[in-house]
N, C-alpha and C. Protein backbone atom coordinates (compact mmCIF):
# COMPACT_ATOMS: atom_id res chain seq x y z
N MET A 1 -21.00 -17.80 -5.19
CA MET A 1 -20.43 -19.13 -5.13
C MET A 1 -18.90 -19.01 -5.12
N LEU A 2 -18.27 -19.70 -4.19
CA LEU A 2 -16.81 -19.69 -4.08
C LEU A 2 -16.20 -20.60 -5.12
N ASN A 3 -15.04 -20.21 -5.60
CA ASN A 3 -14.27 -21.13 -6.42
C ASN A 3 -12.79 -21.02 -6.07
N PHE A 4 -12.04 -21.95 -6.55
CA PHE A 4 -10.62 -22.05 -6.23
C PHE A 4 -9.87 -20.78 -6.60
N ASN A 5 -10.13 -20.23 -7.81
CA ASN A 5 -9.41 -19.03 -8.24
C ASN A 5 -9.66 -17.86 -7.30
N HIS A 6 -10.90 -17.65 -6.89
CA HIS A 6 -11.20 -16.54 -5.98
C HIS A 6 -10.35 -16.67 -4.72
N LEU A 7 -10.35 -17.84 -4.15
CA LEU A 7 -9.62 -18.06 -2.90
C LEU A 7 -8.11 -17.94 -3.10
N TYR A 8 -7.61 -18.53 -4.19
CA TYR A 8 -6.17 -18.49 -4.43
C TYR A 8 -5.69 -17.07 -4.72
N TYR A 9 -6.40 -16.34 -5.54
CA TYR A 9 -6.02 -14.96 -5.85
C TYR A 9 -6.07 -14.11 -4.59
N PHE A 10 -7.09 -14.31 -3.76
CA PHE A 10 -7.15 -13.61 -2.48
C PHE A 10 -5.92 -13.94 -1.64
N HIS A 11 -5.60 -15.23 -1.52
CA HIS A 11 -4.47 -15.67 -0.70
C HIS A 11 -3.16 -15.04 -1.17
N VAL A 12 -2.92 -15.08 -2.46
CA VAL A 12 -1.68 -14.52 -3.00
C VAL A 12 -1.64 -13.01 -2.76
N THR A 13 -2.75 -12.34 -2.97
CA THR A 13 -2.81 -10.89 -2.75
C THR A 13 -2.55 -10.55 -1.29
N ALA A 14 -3.17 -11.28 -0.39
CA ALA A 14 -2.95 -11.04 1.04
C ALA A 14 -1.49 -11.29 1.40
N HIS A 15 -0.91 -12.33 0.86
CA HIS A 15 0.49 -12.66 1.13
C HIS A 15 1.43 -11.60 0.57
N GLU A 16 1.17 -11.16 -0.66
CA GLU A 16 2.04 -10.20 -1.33
C GLU A 16 1.82 -8.77 -0.83
N GLY A 17 0.59 -8.47 -0.39
CA GLY A 17 0.30 -7.15 0.13
C GLY A 17 -0.13 -6.12 -0.90
N SER A 18 -0.21 -6.53 -2.17
CA SER A 18 -0.67 -5.59 -3.19
C SER A 18 -1.22 -6.35 -4.39
N ILE A 19 -2.12 -5.69 -5.10
CA ILE A 19 -2.70 -6.27 -6.31
C ILE A 19 -1.61 -6.44 -7.36
N LYS A 20 -0.74 -5.43 -7.51
CA LYS A 20 0.30 -5.48 -8.53
C LYS A 20 1.25 -6.65 -8.29
N ALA A 21 1.71 -6.80 -7.06
CA ALA A 21 2.63 -7.89 -6.74
C ALA A 21 1.96 -9.24 -6.95
N ALA A 22 0.68 -9.35 -6.58
CA ALA A 22 -0.05 -10.60 -6.78
C ALA A 22 -0.20 -10.90 -8.26
N ALA A 23 -0.54 -9.88 -9.05
CA ALA A 23 -0.69 -10.07 -10.50
C ALA A 23 0.63 -10.52 -11.11
N ASP A 24 1.73 -9.91 -10.71
CA ASP A 24 3.05 -10.30 -11.21
C ASP A 24 3.35 -11.75 -10.86
N ARG A 25 3.10 -12.13 -9.63
CA ARG A 25 3.36 -13.51 -9.18
C ARG A 25 2.49 -14.52 -9.91
N LEU A 26 1.23 -14.14 -10.15
CA LEU A 26 0.28 -15.06 -10.79
C LEU A 26 0.38 -15.05 -12.32
N GLY A 27 1.06 -14.06 -12.87
CA GLY A 27 1.19 -13.97 -14.32
C GLY A 27 -0.10 -13.54 -15.01
N VAL A 28 -0.87 -12.69 -14.32
CA VAL A 28 -2.13 -12.18 -14.87
C VAL A 28 -2.13 -10.65 -14.72
N THR A 29 -3.19 -10.02 -15.22
CA THR A 29 -3.28 -8.57 -15.11
C THR A 29 -3.84 -8.15 -13.75
N GLN A 30 -3.57 -6.90 -13.39
CA GLN A 30 -4.12 -6.38 -12.14
C GLN A 30 -5.65 -6.38 -12.13
N PRO A 31 -6.32 -6.01 -13.26
CA PRO A 31 -7.78 -6.07 -13.24
C PRO A 31 -8.32 -7.49 -13.01
N THR A 32 -7.60 -8.49 -13.47
CA THR A 32 -8.03 -9.87 -13.25
C THR A 32 -8.02 -10.19 -11.76
N VAL A 33 -6.94 -9.83 -11.09
CA VAL A 33 -6.84 -10.07 -9.65
C VAL A 33 -7.93 -9.29 -8.91
N SER A 34 -8.09 -8.03 -9.25
CA SER A 34 -9.10 -7.20 -8.60
C SER A 34 -10.50 -7.79 -8.76
N GLU A 35 -10.81 -8.25 -9.95
CA GLU A 35 -12.14 -8.82 -10.19
C GLU A 35 -12.35 -10.10 -9.40
N GLN A 36 -11.34 -10.95 -9.32
CA GLN A 36 -11.47 -12.19 -8.55
C GLN A 36 -11.72 -11.88 -7.07
N ILE A 37 -11.03 -10.89 -6.55
CA ILE A 37 -11.22 -10.51 -5.14
C ILE A 37 -12.60 -9.90 -4.95
N ARG A 38 -13.02 -9.04 -5.88
CA ARG A 38 -14.37 -8.45 -5.78
C ARG A 38 -15.44 -9.52 -5.79
N MET A 39 -15.28 -10.52 -6.64
CA MET A 39 -16.26 -11.61 -6.71
C MET A 39 -16.29 -12.39 -5.41
N LEU A 40 -15.12 -12.64 -4.81
CA LEU A 40 -15.06 -13.34 -3.54
C LEU A 40 -15.74 -12.52 -2.44
N GLU A 41 -15.43 -11.23 -2.38
CA GLU A 41 -16.05 -10.36 -1.38
C GLU A 41 -17.56 -10.32 -1.55
N ARG A 42 -18.01 -10.26 -2.79
CA ARG A 42 -19.44 -10.25 -3.06
C ARG A 42 -20.07 -11.57 -2.62
N SER A 43 -19.40 -12.65 -2.89
CA SER A 43 -19.91 -13.97 -2.52
C SER A 43 -19.99 -14.14 -1.01
N LEU A 44 -19.00 -13.64 -0.31
CA LEU A 44 -18.96 -13.76 1.16
C LEU A 44 -19.81 -12.69 1.84
N GLY A 45 -20.04 -11.58 1.15
CA GLY A 45 -20.82 -10.50 1.72
C GLY A 45 -20.06 -9.63 2.71
N VAL A 46 -18.74 -9.69 2.66
CA VAL A 46 -17.90 -8.88 3.55
C VAL A 46 -16.68 -8.38 2.80
N PRO A 47 -16.17 -7.20 3.18
CA PRO A 47 -14.91 -6.74 2.60
C PRO A 47 -13.74 -7.51 3.22
N LEU A 48 -12.80 -7.89 2.40
CA LEU A 48 -11.63 -8.62 2.89
C LEU A 48 -10.41 -7.72 3.04
N PHE A 49 -10.42 -6.61 2.31
CA PHE A 49 -9.33 -5.64 2.36
C PHE A 49 -9.88 -4.25 2.59
N ASP A 50 -9.13 -3.44 3.33
CA ASP A 50 -9.33 -2.00 3.35
C ASP A 50 -8.37 -1.47 2.31
N ARG A 51 -8.90 -0.71 1.38
CA ARG A 51 -8.07 -0.17 0.31
C ARG A 51 -7.72 1.27 0.64
N ALA A 52 -6.43 1.57 0.61
CA ALA A 52 -5.96 2.92 0.91
C ALA A 52 -4.91 3.31 -0.12
N ALA A 53 -4.56 4.57 -0.13
CA ALA A 53 -3.57 5.07 -1.09
C ALA A 53 -2.22 4.37 -0.93
N ASN A 54 -1.91 3.93 0.28
CA ASN A 54 -0.62 3.28 0.53
C ASN A 54 -0.68 1.76 0.44
N GLY A 55 -1.78 1.21 -0.06
CA GLY A 55 -1.86 -0.23 -0.26
C GLY A 55 -3.08 -0.87 0.37
N LEU A 56 -3.00 -2.17 0.50
CA LEU A 56 -4.11 -2.96 1.02
C LEU A 56 -3.82 -3.38 2.46
N ARG A 57 -4.88 -3.44 3.24
CA ARG A 57 -4.78 -3.94 4.61
C ARG A 57 -5.94 -4.91 4.81
N LEU A 58 -5.66 -6.08 5.36
CA LEU A 58 -6.72 -7.05 5.61
C LEU A 58 -7.68 -6.53 6.68
N THR A 59 -8.96 -6.74 6.44
CA THR A 59 -9.96 -6.48 7.46
C THR A 59 -9.93 -7.65 8.45
N GLU A 60 -10.72 -7.56 9.50
CA GLU A 60 -10.81 -8.68 10.44
C GLU A 60 -11.27 -9.95 9.72
N GLN A 61 -12.28 -9.80 8.87
CA GLN A 61 -12.77 -10.95 8.10
C GLN A 61 -11.70 -11.44 7.13
N GLY A 62 -10.94 -10.52 6.59
CA GLY A 62 -9.84 -10.89 5.69
C GLY A 62 -8.76 -11.68 6.40
N ARG A 63 -8.46 -11.28 7.64
CA ARG A 63 -7.46 -12.03 8.42
C ARG A 63 -7.95 -13.45 8.71
N GLU A 64 -9.22 -13.58 9.03
CA GLU A 64 -9.79 -14.91 9.26
C GLU A 64 -9.73 -15.75 7.99
N ALA A 65 -10.11 -15.15 6.87
CA ALA A 65 -10.08 -15.87 5.60
C ALA A 65 -8.65 -16.28 5.24
N PHE A 66 -7.68 -15.38 5.50
CA PHE A 66 -6.29 -15.68 5.20
C PHE A 66 -5.78 -16.86 6.03
N GLU A 67 -6.21 -16.95 7.28
CA GLU A 67 -5.84 -18.10 8.10
C GLU A 67 -6.31 -19.40 7.45
N HIS A 68 -7.53 -19.40 6.94
CA HIS A 68 -8.06 -20.59 6.30
C HIS A 68 -7.34 -20.90 4.99
N THR A 69 -7.09 -19.86 4.17
CA THR A 69 -6.44 -20.13 2.89
C THR A 69 -4.98 -20.52 3.09
N THR A 70 -4.36 -20.05 4.16
CA THR A 70 -2.98 -20.45 4.43
C THR A 70 -2.92 -21.96 4.66
N THR A 71 -3.89 -22.49 5.36
CA THR A 71 -3.97 -23.94 5.57
C THR A 71 -4.21 -24.66 4.24
N MET A 72 -5.05 -24.08 3.42
CA MET A 72 -5.39 -24.71 2.13
C MET A 72 -4.21 -24.73 1.17
N PHE A 73 -3.44 -23.66 1.13
CA PHE A 73 -2.43 -23.49 0.09
C PHE A 73 -0.99 -23.62 0.59
N LEU A 74 -0.80 -24.38 1.64
CA LEU A 74 0.58 -24.62 2.14
C LEU A 74 1.40 -25.36 1.14
């Protein structure tokens, strides 16, 4: 089930480009952001980020989701 926090945390993370930067901006811990994104990915059934040593990269589904959340959170 989707909720506002899942979508917002995803949006901020996608915008910031990292879990750490998103956590700093949101005033929460990195595990909190990671868990919210994991829950969203589980709910949608698709990965939204490719995780690599040099950071996060949006998947195709992640780019589509970011387009929608950008409209939501303008």
